[in-house]
């Protein structure tokens, strides 16, 4: 079964602002797919979660 991707035209609320505030070295390390997942997906790939683990506040 193929994984369904979200086709939102607008990023999830607050995601673009957070992306802009990430340190430059983190931004350079993100792939296009990871950036798309960050902006539009509720569940991130493991690679993205690992790169952002020190910036994520878990509730």
Protein backbone atom coordinates (compact mmCIF):
# COMPACT_ATOMS: atom_id res chain seq x y z
CA UNK A 1 0.00 0.00 0.00
CA UNK A 2 1.35 3.42 -0.92
CA UNK A 3 1.85 6.03 1.81
CA UNK A 4 -0.50 8.97 1.35
CA UNK A 5 1.11 12.41 1.48
CA UNK A 6 -0.67 15.54 2.65
CA UNK A 7 -1.27 17.97 -0.19
CA UNK A 8 -1.84 21.11 1.87
CA UNK A 9 -1.13 24.33 0.03
CA UNK A 10 -0.45 26.12 3.32
CA UNK A 11 2.04 24.93 5.95
CA UNK A 12 0.70 23.80 9.29
CA UNK A 13 0.20 26.76 11.68
CA UNK A 14 3.45 28.12 13.08
CA UNK A 15 5.72 25.78 11.12
CA UNK A 16 7.11 28.39 8.68
CA UNK A 17 8.04 30.73 11.55
CA UNK A 18 9.81 27.92 13.41
CA UNK A 19 11.64 26.86 10.26
CA UNK A 20 12.92 30.41 9.77
CA UNK A 21 14.21 30.46 13.36
CA UNK A 22 16.27 27.26 13.09
CA UNK A 23 20.07 27.70 13.18
CA UNK A 24 21.71 27.92 9.75
CA UNK A 25 23.72 24.72 10.24
CA UNK A 26 20.53 22.75 10.95
CA UNK A 27 18.78 24.27 7.93
CA UNK A 28 21.69 23.29 5.68
CA UNK A 29 21.49 19.72 6.93
CA UNK A 30 17.80 19.29 6.02
CA UNK A 31 16.82 17.68 2.73
CA UNK A 32 13.96 19.01 0.59
CA UNK A 33 11.85 16.06 1.69
CA UNK A 34 12.53 16.76 5.35
CA UNK A 35 11.58 20.42 4.95
CA UNK A 36 8.34 19.44 3.21
CA UNK A 37 7.56 16.96 5.99
CA UNK A 38 8.32 19.59 8.64
CA UNK A 39 5.96 22.11 7.04
CA UNK A 40 3.09 19.87 5.99
CA UNK A 41 3.13 16.55 7.88
CA UNK A 42 2.06 15.67 11.42
CA UNK A 43 4.41 12.66 11.50
CA UNK A 44 8.03 13.25 10.54
CA UNK A 45 10.60 10.87 9.06
CA UNK A 46 13.07 9.48 11.61
CA UNK A 47 15.94 11.43 10.01
CA UNK A 48 14.13 14.74 10.58
CA UNK A 49 13.18 13.83 14.14
CA UNK A 50 16.80 13.03 14.93
CA UNK A 51 18.09 16.29 13.45
CA UNK A 52 15.57 18.37 15.42
CA UNK A 53 15.46 16.40 18.67
CA UNK A 54 17.21 19.11 20.69
CA UNK A 55 14.70 21.73 19.48
CA UNK A 56 11.47 19.77 20.01
CA UNK A 57 9.52 20.23 23.23
CA UNK A 58 7.71 17.02 24.10
CA UNK A 59 4.48 17.30 26.01
